[in-house]
Amino acid sequence: MNRRGSGILLHITSLPSPYGIGDFGSEAYKFVDFLKQAKQSYWQILPLGAINSDYNPSPYHNISAFAFNKFLISPELMIKEGLLNKADLAPAPGFSRQRVDYESVIAYKRKLFHKAISRFRKRKNKDEYEKFCSENSSWIEDFAFFVVIKSHFRGRVWSEWPSDVRDRKLEVIRSLRKELQAKTEIEKFLQFIFFKQWVSLKNYCHEQGIHIIGDMPFYVDYDSVDCWTHPDIFKLDKSKKPVVISGVPPDYFSRTGQLWGNPIYRWDVLKKRKYYWWIQRIEQNLKLYDIVRVDHFRGFVGYWEVPAAQKTAIKGKWVKAPALDFFNQLNKRFRFLPIIAEDLGTITPDVREVMHHFRFPGMKVLLFAFGEDNPMHPYLPHTYEKNYVVYTGTHDNNTVKGWLEREAKPKDRMRLFRYLGQEVSAEEVNWEFIRLAMMSVANTAIIPIQDVLGLGEETRMNKPATKRGNWQWRLLSEQMTSSLAGKLSEITEIYGRG
């Protein structure tokens, strides 16, 4: 990322597919071809972790820090692998091409998975599968068992399981593993198929000169296999319930702050163990991605912890974390540490010092640049430095068109038009933002596909602090035209990013 380049932000779930949700099938390969035609260098996606499908499809809420989202597996590729046949795919629900209906998708794909595992079990040669399980033995057995046992206890949070199971008493766990082994094997098999399909797609990206920027949440969910198997690295009480939880303090956007509810790490314990769990987690992400964007990066330096009984984040406090020691240990383990630091919001000087010391690029978001009368606003392009990634917007923002139509105040619009030197309509503002990002000195520019297409608010990916309608938007195959690729290719070349 030390040279000029650009790319597109599009999560896997948003890809076209006849099976209700984007996957690793032929449409993913077509999108890579579109990126190459448009002379892009990067494809940025959201986390690929195993979602808690029972209640939350957010890619930022995972039941494991290591496992993968099995619902991104391509049925089309499973046919090619001889695990399904075309007759298995019928009858398929009448899936929407424009939105993901997670409940229908999950029910449909689970039926396909059961058919696939039946065929797989009949195969004599399972060397590739066994090698995968061996190489991932540090997490895959516990993950698969956790998924099955959670279903066995009807979806209850792990701390509400019988105490012998909650506390992982050896004899009880051994007996349950034996009883539930067949179901556990299904989950391991699906992790194997996911990884095989993803690696194939990632290799194709590399062949086309495209690098993958992935995303890693800082925290893990409380109701996760990580908390169940490693309770000592989290601040939990004797009943394994959180003592304190995560959030951010009150600010300009929220008078009560944000209460996220994740368990807080015990950095003293992690440090004594030379951050072994974290090193494994980084290693896993570097297997999946070429570059990792770390969400809530400031948590490595200092984090806001709130007593678990609180209903808002007001009565929390800042606690320091051993960032310098942590990243020094990572540098000993990894030859390269290709990290993008998500540094949005109020960032203190100590966080900046860590970023500069380890040369981690930060983020700039153009949608934040026009909210105040400040000619040296840190999100205005003329204030950037090279070691940044500039975005027109992120998955948490409105689209550029949606912002101008629905969110921008008259003074925001005036400041934008003054900066551009002209008034622009909602139909053309997306390309003006793309031009600002591309012409900036920042080494990397990333554009959400919705902004490349000039789409409105109805296509935004996520609206923070809301629970319905998020993570559902999908791209249509016919929207990826040669003329659009040509237009993006031209602006990429003009500003030396091709």
Protein backbone atom coordinates (compact mmCIF):
# COMPACT_ATOMS: atom_id res chain seq x y z
CA MET A 1 0.00 0.00 0.00
CA ASN A 2 3.00 2.30 -0.40
CA ARG A 3 2.08 3.00 -4.01
CA ARG A 4 -0.99 4.71 -5.42
CA GLY A 5 -3.92 2.39 -5.98
CA SER A 6 -7.68 2.18 -5.69
CA GLY A 7 -10.42 -0.36 -5.20
CA ILE A 8 -14.08 -1.08 -4.53
CA LEU A 9 -15.91 -1.94 -1.32
CA LEU A 10 -18.47 -4.70 -1.81
CA HIS A 11 -19.26 -7.44 0.69
CA ILE A 12 -19.72 -11.04 -0.46
CA THR A 13 -23.38 -11.10 0.63
CA SER A 14 -24.12 -8.29 -1.84
CA LEU A 15 -22.92 -10.18 -4.91
CA PRO A 16 -25.47 -11.44 -7.44
CA SER A 17 -26.46 -15.10 -7.01
CA PRO A 18 -29.59 -17.17 -7.73
CA TYR A 19 -29.51 -18.57 -4.17
CA GLY A 20 -30.70 -15.54 -2.20
CA ILE A 21 -27.32 -14.29 -0.99
CA GLY A 22 -23.97 -13.50 -2.57
CA ASP A 23 -21.49 -16.37 -2.52
CA PHE A 24 -18.18 -17.58 -3.99
CA GLY A 25 -19.69 -18.74 -7.28
CA SER A 26 -19.34 -17.47 -10.85
CA GLU A 27 -20.69 -13.98 -10.12
CA ALA A 28 -17.83 -13.41 -7.67
CA TYR A 29 -15.35 -14.23 -10.45
CA LYS A 30 -17.21 -11.89 -12.81
CA PHE A 31 -16.86 -9.12 -10.25
CA VAL A 32 -13.10 -9.72 -10.13
CA ASP A 33 -13.05 -9.42 -13.93
CA PHE A 34 -14.94 -6.11 -13.58
CA LEU A 35 -12.32 -4.87 -11.11
CA LYS A 36 -9.52 -5.77 -13.50
CA GLN A 37 -11.30 -4.09 -16.44
CA ALA A 38 -11.72 -0.97 -14.30
CA LYS A 39 -7.97 -1.06 -13.45
CA GLN A 40 -8.58 -1.46 -9.74
CA SER A 41 -6.00 -2.85 -7.30
CA TYR A 42 -8.18 -3.80 -4.33
CA TRP A 43 -11.41 -5.52 -3.41
CA GLN A 44 -12.49 -4.63 0.12
CA ILE A 45 -15.00 -6.83 1.91
CA LEU A 46 -16.55 -7.00 5.38
CA PRO A 47 -15.74 -9.75 7.94
CA LEU A 48 -16.15 -13.36 6.79
CA GLY A 49 -16.73 -14.71 10.30
CA ALA A 50 -19.44 -17.15 11.33
CA ILE A 51 -22.55 -15.08 12.02
CA ASN A 52 -24.92 -15.76 14.88
CA SER A 53 -27.63 -16.75 12.44
CA ASP A 54 -30.28 -17.21 15.12
CA TYR A 55 -30.72 -13.50 15.70
CA ASN A 56 -28.15 -11.30 13.99
CA PRO A 57 -26.81 -11.44 10.43
CA SER A 58 -24.27 -8.66 11.06
CA PRO A 59 -20.79 -9.66 9.84
CA TYR A 60 -19.45 -7.82 12.91
CA HIS A 61 -21.19 -10.19 15.36
CA ASN A 62 -19.56 -13.60 15.22
CA ILE A 63 -19.79 -16.76 17.29
CA SER A 64 -16.08 -17.37 16.69
CA ALA A 65 -13.00 -15.23 16.08
CA PHE A 66 -11.64 -17.96 13.79
CA ALA A 67 -14.52 -19.70 11.98
CA PHE A 68 -16.19 -18.75 8.69
CA ASN A 69 -19.71 -17.88 7.54
CA LYS A 70 -20.95 -21.12 5.97
CA PHE A 71 -23.88 -19.35 4.27
CA LEU A 72 -21.43 -17.80 1.79
CA ILE A 73 -20.67 -21.25 0.35
CA SER A 74 -21.65 -21.51 -3.31
CA PRO A 75 -24.13 -24.29 -4.24
CA GLU A 76 -22.97 -23.87 -7.84
CA LEU A 77 -19.41 -24.82 -6.85
CA MET A 78 -20.67 -27.68 -4.69
CA ILE A 79 -22.24 -29.12 -7.85
CA LYS A 80 -18.87 -28.88 -9.62
CA GLU A 81 -17.25 -30.62 -6.64
CA GLY A 82 -19.78 -33.48 -6.89
CA LEU A 83 -21.33 -32.70 -3.51
CA LEU A 84 -24.70 -31.69 -4.97
CA ASN A 85 -26.53 -32.18 -8.24
CA LYS A 86 -28.87 -29.75 -9.99
CA ALA A 87 -31.95 -31.62 -8.78
CA ASP A 88 -30.88 -30.93 -5.18
CA LEU A 89 -31.32 -27.18 -5.73
CA ALA A 90 -35.07 -27.45 -6.37
CA PRO A 91 -37.48 -26.35 -5.17
CA ALA A 92 -35.74 -23.04 -4.42
CA PRO A 93 -37.69 -20.19 -2.83
CA GLY A 94 -38.41 -17.18 -5.03
CA PHE A 95 -35.46 -15.20 -3.69
CA SER A 96 -35.27 -11.45 -4.20
CA ARG A 97 -32.44 -10.33 -6.45
CA GLN A 98 -32.13 -7.02 -4.58
CA ARG A 99 -32.35 -7.94 -0.88
CA VAL A 100 -31.14 -10.81 1.30
CA ASP A 101 -33.87 -12.58 3.27
CA TYR A 102 -31.61 -14.27 5.81
CA GLU A 103 -34.27 -16.49 7.34
CA SER A 104 -35.18 -18.02 3.97
CA VAL A 105 -31.56 -18.29 2.82
CA ILE A 106 -30.45 -20.04 6.00
CA ALA A 107 -33.31 -22.55 5.91
CA TYR A 108 -32.66 -23.31 2.21
CA LYS A 109 -28.91 -23.69 2.51
CA ARG A 110 -29.13 -25.91 5.57
CA LYS A 111 -31.11 -28.42 3.49
CA LEU A 112 -28.40 -28.32 0.81
CA PHE A 113 -25.65 -28.78 3.39
CA HIS A 114 -27.26 -31.96 4.73
CA LYS A 115 -27.43 -33.40 1.21
CA ALA A 116 -23.79 -32.46 0.59
CA ILE A 117 -22.47 -34.05 3.79
CA SER A 118 -24.32 -37.29 2.93
CA ARG A 119 -22.40 -37.52 -0.35
CA PHE A 120 -19.13 -36.50 1.27
CA ARG A 121 -19.38 -39.23 3.88
CA LYS A 122 -19.42 -41.85 1.12
CA ARG A 123 -16.10 -40.69 -0.29
CA LYS A 124 -13.10 -42.89 0.46
CA ASN A 125 -10.42 -40.23 -0.03
CA LYS A 126 -10.77 -37.49 2.57
CA ASP A 127 -7.08 -36.55 2.76
CA GLU A 128 -7.64 -32.89 1.87
CA TYR A 129 -10.36 -32.54 4.51
CA GLU A 130 -8.31 -34.28 7.18
CA LYS A 131 -5.31 -32.07 6.41
CA PHE A 132 -7.49 -28.95 6.79
CA CYS A 133 -8.83 -30.17 10.15
CA SER A 134 -5.31 -30.95 11.34
CA GLU A 135 -3.97 -27.54 10.31
CA ASN A 136 -6.89 -25.82 12.08
CA SER A 137 -7.09 -28.09 15.11
CA SER A 138 -6.50 -25.21 17.54
CA TRP A 139 -10.04 -23.90 16.93
CA ILE A 140 -12.16 -26.09 14.65
CA GLU A 141 -13.06 -28.87 17.10
CA ASP A 142 -14.20 -26.41 19.76
CA PHE A 143 -16.07 -24.29 17.23
CA ALA A 144 -17.99 -27.19 15.68
CA PHE A 145 -18.84 -28.57 19.11
CA PHE A 146 -20.00 -25.14 20.30
CA VAL A 147 -22.39 -24.73 17.34
CA VAL A 148 -23.88 -28.18 17.89
CA ILE A 149 -24.14 -27.96 21.66
CA LYS A 150 -25.72 -24.51 21.44
CA SER A 151 -28.41 -26.02 19.21
CA HIS A 152 -28.67 -28.95 21.63
CA PHE A 153 -29.51 -26.46 24.41
CA ARG A 154 -32.01 -24.66 22.15
CA GLY A 155 -29.90 -21.60 21.45
CA ARG A 156 -29.31 -20.56 25.05
CA VAL A 157 -26.29 -18.36 25.86
CA TRP A 158 -23.42 -20.63 26.93
CA SER A 159 -23.31 -19.24 30.49
CA GLU A 160 -26.89 -20.53 30.96
CA TRP A 161 -25.98 -24.11 30.05
CA PRO A 162 -25.76 -26.71 32.84
CA SER A 163 -22.83 -25.69 35.05
CA ASP A 164 -20.75 -28.79 34.21
CA VAL A 165 -20.98 -27.93 30.51
CA ARG A 166 -20.59 -24.18 31.06
CA ASP A 167 -17.39 -24.85 33.05
CA ARG A 168 -16.18 -27.51 30.59
CA LYS A 169 -15.87 -30.38 33.07
CA LEU A 170 -13.71 -32.94 31.30
CA GLU A 171 -15.85 -36.07 31.68
CA VAL A 172 -19.10 -34.28 30.78
CA ILE A 173 -17.56 -32.65 27.69
CA ARG A 174 -16.02 -35.94 26.59
CA SER A 175 -19.39 -37.69 26.84
CA LEU A 176 -21.22 -34.93 24.95
CA ARG A 177 -18.60 -34.88 22.20
CA LYS A 178 -19.14 -38.60 21.64
CA GLU A 179 -22.93 -38.19 21.62
CA LEU A 180 -22.89 -35.25 19.18
CA GLN A 181 -19.95 -36.32 16.99
CA ALA A 182 -21.95 -36.83 13.78
CA LYS A 183 -23.43 -33.33 13.95
CA THR A 184 -20.04 -31.87 14.82
CA GLU A 185 -18.55 -33.40 11.68
CA ILE A 186 -21.09 -31.49 9.55
CA GLU A 187 -19.86 -28.16 10.92
CA LYS A 188 -16.20 -29.08 10.34
CA PHE A 189 -17.01 -30.18 6.79
CA LEU A 190 -18.69 -26.82 6.03
CA GLN A 191 -15.67 -24.91 7.34
CA PHE A 192 -13.51 -26.96 4.99
CA ILE A 193 -15.74 -26.28 1.98
CA PHE A 194 -15.87 -22.55 2.77
CA PHE A 195 -12.09 -22.29 3.00
CA LYS A 196 -11.54 -24.28 -0.18
CA GLN A 197 -13.95 -22.09 -2.16
CA TRP A 198 -12.57 -18.85 -0.69
CA VAL A 199 -8.92 -19.73 -1.37
CA SER A 200 -9.80 -20.50 -4.99
CA LEU A 201 -11.46 -17.08 -5.37
CA LYS A 202 -8.59 -15.31 -3.59
CA ASN A 203 -6.06 -17.00 -5.89
CA TYR A 204 -8.07 -15.85 -8.91
CA CYS A 205 -7.96 -12.30 -7.53
CA HIS A 206 -4.17 -12.51 -7.33
CA GLU A 207 -3.95 -13.80 -10.90
CA GLN A 208 -5.87 -10.69 -11.99
CA GLY A 209 -3.69 -8.36 -9.93
CA ILE A 210 -6.35 -7.76 -7.25
CA HIS A 211 -5.57 -7.76 -3.52
CA ILE A 212 -8.17 -8.46 -0.84
CA ILE A 213 -8.72 -5.99 2.00
CA GLY A 214 -10.55 -7.79 4.78
CA ASP A 215 -12.04 -6.57 8.04
CA MET A 216 -11.52 -7.74 11.61
CA PRO A 217 -13.72 -6.64 14.52
CA PHE A 218 -11.72 -5.65 17.61
CA TYR A 219 -14.05 -7.32 20.10
CA VAL A 220 -15.67 -10.75 20.09
CA ASP A 221 -19.26 -11.50 21.09
CA TYR A 222 -19.97 -12.72 24.60
CA ASP A 223 -22.06 -15.61 23.26
CA SER A 224 -19.10 -17.07 21.39
CA VAL A 225 -16.91 -20.13 21.49
CA ASP A 226 -13.96 -17.88 22.37
CA CYS A 227 -15.54 -16.78 25.66
CA TRP A 228 -16.62 -20.31 26.47
CA THR A 229 -13.20 -21.89 25.85
CA HIS A 230 -11.01 -18.96 27.02
CA PRO A 231 -12.99 -17.30 29.84
CA ASP A 232 -9.76 -16.38 31.63
CA ILE A 233 -8.78 -13.81 28.96
CA PHE A 234 -12.02 -11.87 29.49
CA LYS A 235 -13.27 -9.90 32.51
CA LEU A 236 -15.92 -12.37 33.72
CA ASP A 237 -17.23 -13.16 37.21
CA LYS A 238 -17.46 -16.57 38.94
CA SER A 239 -20.66 -17.34 37.04
CA LYS A 240 -18.84 -16.53 33.77
CA LYS A 241 -20.94 -13.37 33.26
CA PRO A 242 -19.27 -10.10 32.13
CA VAL A 243 -18.16 -7.75 34.90
CA VAL A 244 -17.67 -4.89 32.43
CA ILE A 245 -18.69 -4.46 28.80
CA SER A 246 -17.55 -2.46 25.79
CA GLY A 247 -18.76 0.83 24.38
CA VAL A 248 -17.73 4.40 23.66
CA PRO A 249 -18.38 7.49 25.81
CA PRO A 250 -20.90 10.27 25.13
CA ASP A 251 -19.93 12.52 22.23
CA TYR A 252 -21.33 14.92 19.65
CA PHE A 253 -23.38 12.11 18.08
CA SER A 254 -24.81 10.56 21.28
CA ARG A 255 -25.47 12.11 24.69
CA THR A 256 -25.40 8.69 26.36
CA GLY A 257 -22.56 7.16 24.34
CA GLN A 258 -22.82 3.73 22.75
CA LEU A 259 -23.14 0.51 24.74
CA TRP A 260 -21.88 -2.34 22.57
CA GLY A 261 -22.02 -5.09 25.18
CA ASN A 262 -18.94 -7.12 24.19
CA PRO A 263 -16.81 -8.65 26.95
CA ILE A 264 -13.58 -6.80 27.76
CA TYR A 265 -10.15 -8.40 27.34
CA ARG A 266 -7.88 -9.05 30.32
CA TRP A 267 -4.75 -7.59 28.78
CA ASP A 268 -2.67 -8.52 31.84
CA VAL A 269 -3.39 -12.22 31.21
CA LEU A 270 -2.88 -11.86 27.46
CA LYS A 271 0.46 -10.14 28.02
CA LYS A 272 1.72 -12.91 30.34
CA ARG A 273 0.92 -15.41 27.60
CA LYS A 274 2.68 -13.29 24.97
CA TYR A 275 -0.68 -12.58 23.32
CA TYR A 276 -0.92 -16.14 22.02
CA TRP A 277 -4.69 -15.99 21.32
CA TRP A 278 -4.35 -12.67 19.49
CA ILE A 279 -1.39 -13.88 17.45
CA GLN A 280 -3.44 -16.89 16.33
CA ARG A 281 -6.30 -14.57 15.43
CA ILE A 282 -4.08 -12.24 13.34
CA GLU A 283 -2.55 -15.28 11.64
CA GLN A 284 -6.01 -16.55 10.70
CA ASN A 285 -6.97 -13.17 9.21
CA LEU A 286 -3.76 -13.02 7.20
CA LYS A 287 -4.65 -16.42 5.71
CA LEU A 288 -7.94 -14.96 4.52
CA TYR A 289 -6.89 -11.48 3.41
CA ASP A 290 -3.89 -9.65 1.97
CA ILE A 291 -4.56 -6.56 4.11
CA VAL A 292 -6.61 -6.36 7.32
CA ARG A 293 -8.67 -3.33 8.35
CA VAL A 294 -8.94 -3.44 12.14
CA ASP A 295 -12.26 -2.09 13.34
CA HIS A 296 -12.06 0.10 16.49
CA PHE A 297 -8.24 0.16 16.35
CA ARG A 298 -8.06 2.58 19.26
CA GLY A 299 -9.04 -0.30 21.56
CA PHE A 300 -5.44 -1.56 21.37
CA VAL A 301 -4.29 1.69 23.00
CA GLY A 302 -7.15 2.47 25.37
CA TYR A 303 -10.75 1.29 25.66
CA TRP A 304 -13.96 2.46 27.31
CA GLU A 305 -15.27 -0.09 29.79
CA VAL A 306 -18.69 0.14 31.41
CA PRO A 307 -20.02 -1.81 34.42
CA ALA A 308 -22.19 -4.61 33.02
CA ALA A 309 -25.30 -3.52 34.94
CA GLN A 310 -25.40 -0.07 33.32
CA LYS A 311 -28.07 0.73 30.73
CA THR A 312 -26.01 3.45 28.98
CA ALA A 313 -22.29 4.05 28.38
CA ILE A 314 -22.17 7.25 30.49
CA LYS A 315 -20.67 5.73 33.65
CA GLY A 316 -17.70 4.09 31.97
CA LYS A 317 -13.99 4.84 32.18
CA TRP A 318 -10.94 4.79 29.92
CA VAL A 319 -8.50 1.96 30.55
CA LYS A 320 -5.07 1.70 28.92
CA ALA A 321 -3.99 -1.30 26.87
CA PRO A 322 -0.36 -2.35 26.14
CA ALA A 323 -0.33 -1.36 22.47
CA LEU A 324 3.43 -0.90 22.02
CA ASP A 325 4.30 -4.23 23.64
CA PHE A 326 1.49 -5.97 21.74
CA PHE A 327 2.53 -4.76 18.29
CA ASN A 328 6.22 -5.35 19.03
CA GLN A 329 5.32 -8.98 19.73
CA LEU A 330 3.35 -9.17 16.49
CA ASN A 331 6.31 -7.75 14.56
CA LYS A 332 8.47 -10.54 15.94
CA ARG A 333 5.96 -13.12 14.69
CA PHE A 334 5.04 -11.66 11.29
CA ARG A 335 7.46 -10.46 8.66
CA PHE A 336 4.83 -8.03 7.37
CA LEU A 337 1.89 -6.62 9.29
CA PRO A 338 -0.44 -5.21 6.61
CA ILE A 339 -2.97 -3.43 8.85
CA ILE A 340 -5.30 -0.50 8.19
CA ALA A 341 -6.27 1.24 11.42
CA GLU A 342 -9.92 2.27 11.63
CA ASP A 343 -9.35 5.61 13.37
CA LEU A 344 -12.69 7.36 12.83
CA GLY A 345 -14.28 9.47 15.55
CA THR A 346 -12.42 11.10 18.43
CA ILE A 347 -8.86 9.80 18.38
CA THR A 348 -6.40 10.82 21.10
CA PRO A 349 -2.69 11.62 20.53
CA ASP A 350 -1.53 8.32 22.06
CA VAL A 351 -3.44 6.41 19.35
CA ARG A 352 -1.82 8.56 16.64
CA GLU A 353 1.60 7.87 18.16
CA VAL A 354 1.09 4.11 17.91
CA MET A 355 -0.14 4.39 14.32
CA HIS A 356 2.84 6.54 13.30
CA HIS A 357 5.33 4.34 15.15
CA PHE A 358 4.21 1.20 13.31
CA ARG A 359 3.30 3.07 10.09
CA PHE A 360 -0.29 1.80 10.05
CA PRO A 361 -2.38 3.80 7.55
CA GLY A 362 -5.52 5.45 8.91
CA MET A 363 -8.83 6.27 7.24
CA LYS A 364 -10.35 9.40 5.72
CA VAL A 365 -14.06 9.59 4.88
CA LEU A 366 -15.16 12.32 2.47
CA LEU A 367 -18.75 12.35 3.73
CA PHE A 368 -17.43 13.74 7.03
CA ALA A 369 -15.59 16.67 5.42
CA PHE A 370 -18.33 19.25 4.91
CA GLY A 371 -20.06 19.48 8.29
CA GLU A 372 -18.30 22.57 9.61
CA ASP A 373 -16.62 25.80 8.46
CA ASN A 374 -13.02 24.67 8.77
CA PRO A 375 -10.72 25.02 5.73
CA MET A 376 -8.27 22.63 7.40
CA HIS A 377 -10.88 20.01 8.33
CA PRO A 378 -9.01 16.67 8.65
CA TYR A 379 -11.30 14.94 6.15
CA LEU A 380 -10.87 17.53 3.37
CA PRO A 381 -8.58 16.06 0.68
CA HIS A 382 -6.00 18.87 0.69
CA THR A 383 -5.14 18.04 4.32
CA TYR A 384 -4.28 14.35 3.72
CA GLU A 385 -0.92 12.64 3.93
CA LYS A 386 0.17 9.69 1.79
CA ASN A 387 -0.21 6.98 4.42
CA TYR A 388 -4.02 6.99 4.44
CA VAL A 389 -6.91 5.17 2.84
CA VAL A 390 -9.60 7.57 1.60
CA TYR A 391 -13.22 6.47 1.27
CA THR A 392 -16.16 8.34 -0.20
CA GLY A 393 -18.11 6.56 2.57
CA THR A 394 -18.11 3.26 4.45
CA HIS A 395 -20.62 0.46 5.03
CA ASP A 396 -21.96 2.46 8.01
CA ASN A 397 -22.67 5.64 6.00
CA ASN A 398 -25.35 6.70 3.60
CA THR A 399 -24.41 6.65 -0.06
CA VAL A 400 -23.05 9.93 -1.48
CA LYS A 401 -26.28 10.49 -3.40
CA GLY A 402 -28.38 9.57 -0.34
CA TRP A 403 -26.34 11.96 1.82
CA LEU A 404 -26.89 14.90 -0.55
CA GLU A 405 -30.61 14.14 -0.92
CA ARG A 406 -31.49 13.22 2.69
CA GLU A 407 -28.82 14.22 5.20
CA ALA A 408 -26.82 17.23 3.98
CA LYS A 409 -27.96 20.52 5.50
CA PRO A 410 -28.06 23.67 3.33
CA LYS A 411 -24.72 24.79 4.78
CA ASP A 412 -23.17 21.36 4.12
CA ARG A 413 -24.25 21.58 0.48
CA MET A 414 -22.89 25.12 0.23
CA ARG A 415 -19.51 24.05 1.63
CA LEU A 416 -19.37 21.11 -0.80
CA PHE A 417 -20.21 23.29 -3.82
CA ARG A 418 -17.64 25.90 -2.78
CA TYR A 419 -15.00 23.17 -2.48
CA LEU A 420 -15.89 21.76 -5.90
CA GLY A 421 -16.13 25.21 -7.46
CA GLN A 422 -19.57 24.43 -8.87
CA GLU A 423 -23.02 23.21 -7.94
CA VAL A 424 -23.75 19.58 -8.77
CA SER A 425 -26.96 17.56 -8.78
CA ALA A 426 -27.70 14.38 -6.84
CA GLU A 427 -27.33 12.48 -10.12
CA GLU A 428 -23.70 13.52 -10.60
CA VAL A 429 -22.39 14.11 -7.06
CA ASN A 430 -21.05 10.55 -6.75
CA TRP A 431 -18.48 11.08 -9.49
CA GLU A 432 -17.39 14.37 -7.94
CA PHE A 433 -16.70 12.54 -4.67
CA ILE A 434 -14.89 9.77 -6.56
CA ARG A 435 -12.76 12.39 -8.28
CA LEU A 436 -11.89 14.01 -4.93
CA ALA A 437 -10.83 10.65 -3.52
CA MET A 438 -8.84 9.64 -6.61
CA MET A 439 -6.98 12.96 -6.94
CA SER A 440 -6.02 13.10 -3.25
CA VAL A 441 -2.47 12.40 -2.10
CA ALA A 442 -3.65 9.38 -0.07
CA ASN A 443 -1.96 6.23 -1.36
CA THR A 444 -5.19 4.24 -1.44
CA ALA A 445 -8.74 5.19 -2.47
CA ILE A 446 -11.67 2.83 -1.83
CA ILE A 447 -15.13 3.48 -3.28
CA PRO A 448 -18.28 1.58 -2.20
CA ILE A 449 -19.88 0.06 -5.31
CA GLN A 450 -23.09 1.98 -4.52
CA ASP A 451 -21.19 5.23 -5.08
CA VAL A 452 -19.66 3.97 -8.33
CA LEU A 453 -23.22 3.26 -9.48
CA GLY A 454 -24.62 6.54 -8.10
CA LEU A 455 -27.29 4.79 -6.03
CA GLY A 456 -29.45 6.37 -3.31
CA GLU A 457 -30.16 5.86 0.38
CA GLU A 458 -32.25 2.74 -0.20
CA THR A 459 -29.04 0.85 -1.06
CA ARG A 460 -26.99 1.66 2.03
CA MET A 461 -25.55 -1.39 3.75
CA ASN A 462 -25.97 -0.53 7.42
CA LYS A 463 -27.57 2.12 9.58
CA PRO A 464 -25.87 1.95 13.01
CA ALA A 465 -28.12 1.70 16.08
CA THR A 466 -30.93 0.15 14.01
CA LYS A 467 -31.73 -3.56 13.87
CA ARG A 468 -33.90 -3.98 10.77
CA GLY A 469 -33.07 -3.76 7.10
CA ASN A 470 -29.28 -3.89 7.48
CA TRP A 471 -26.79 -6.08 5.57
CA GLN A 472 -29.43 -6.90 2.93
CA TRP A 473 -28.61 -4.85 -0.17
CA ARG A 474 -27.51 -6.74 -3.29
CA LEU A 475 -25.85 -5.80 -6.55
CA LEU A 476 -27.51 -6.80 -9.84
CA SER A 477 -25.34 -8.57 -12.38
CA GLU A 478 -26.41 -6.23 -15.21
CA GLN A 479 -25.15 -3.21 -13.24
CA MET A 480 -21.52 -4.23 -13.84
CA THR A 481 -21.28 -2.87 -17.40
CA SER A 482 -18.26 -2.39 -19.63
CA SER A 483 -19.05 1.31 -19.95
CA LEU A 484 -19.03 1.71 -16.16
CA ALA A 485 -15.71 -0.15 -15.92
CA GLY A 486 -14.35 2.10 -18.65
CA LYS A 487 -15.40 5.26 -16.85
CA LEU A 488 -13.81 4.08 -13.59
CA SER A 489 -10.69 2.95 -15.47
CA GLU A 490 -10.29 6.41 -17.03
CA ILE A 491 -10.49 8.32 -13.75
CA THR A 492 -8.15 5.77 -12.16
CA GLU A 493 -5.54 6.38 -14.86
CA ILE A 494 -5.92 10.17 -14.80
CA TYR A 495 -4.87 10.29 -11.16
CA GLY A 496 -2.08 7.72 -11.38
CA ARG A 497 -3.79 4.84 -9.62
CA GLY A 498 -3.99 2.40 -12.53
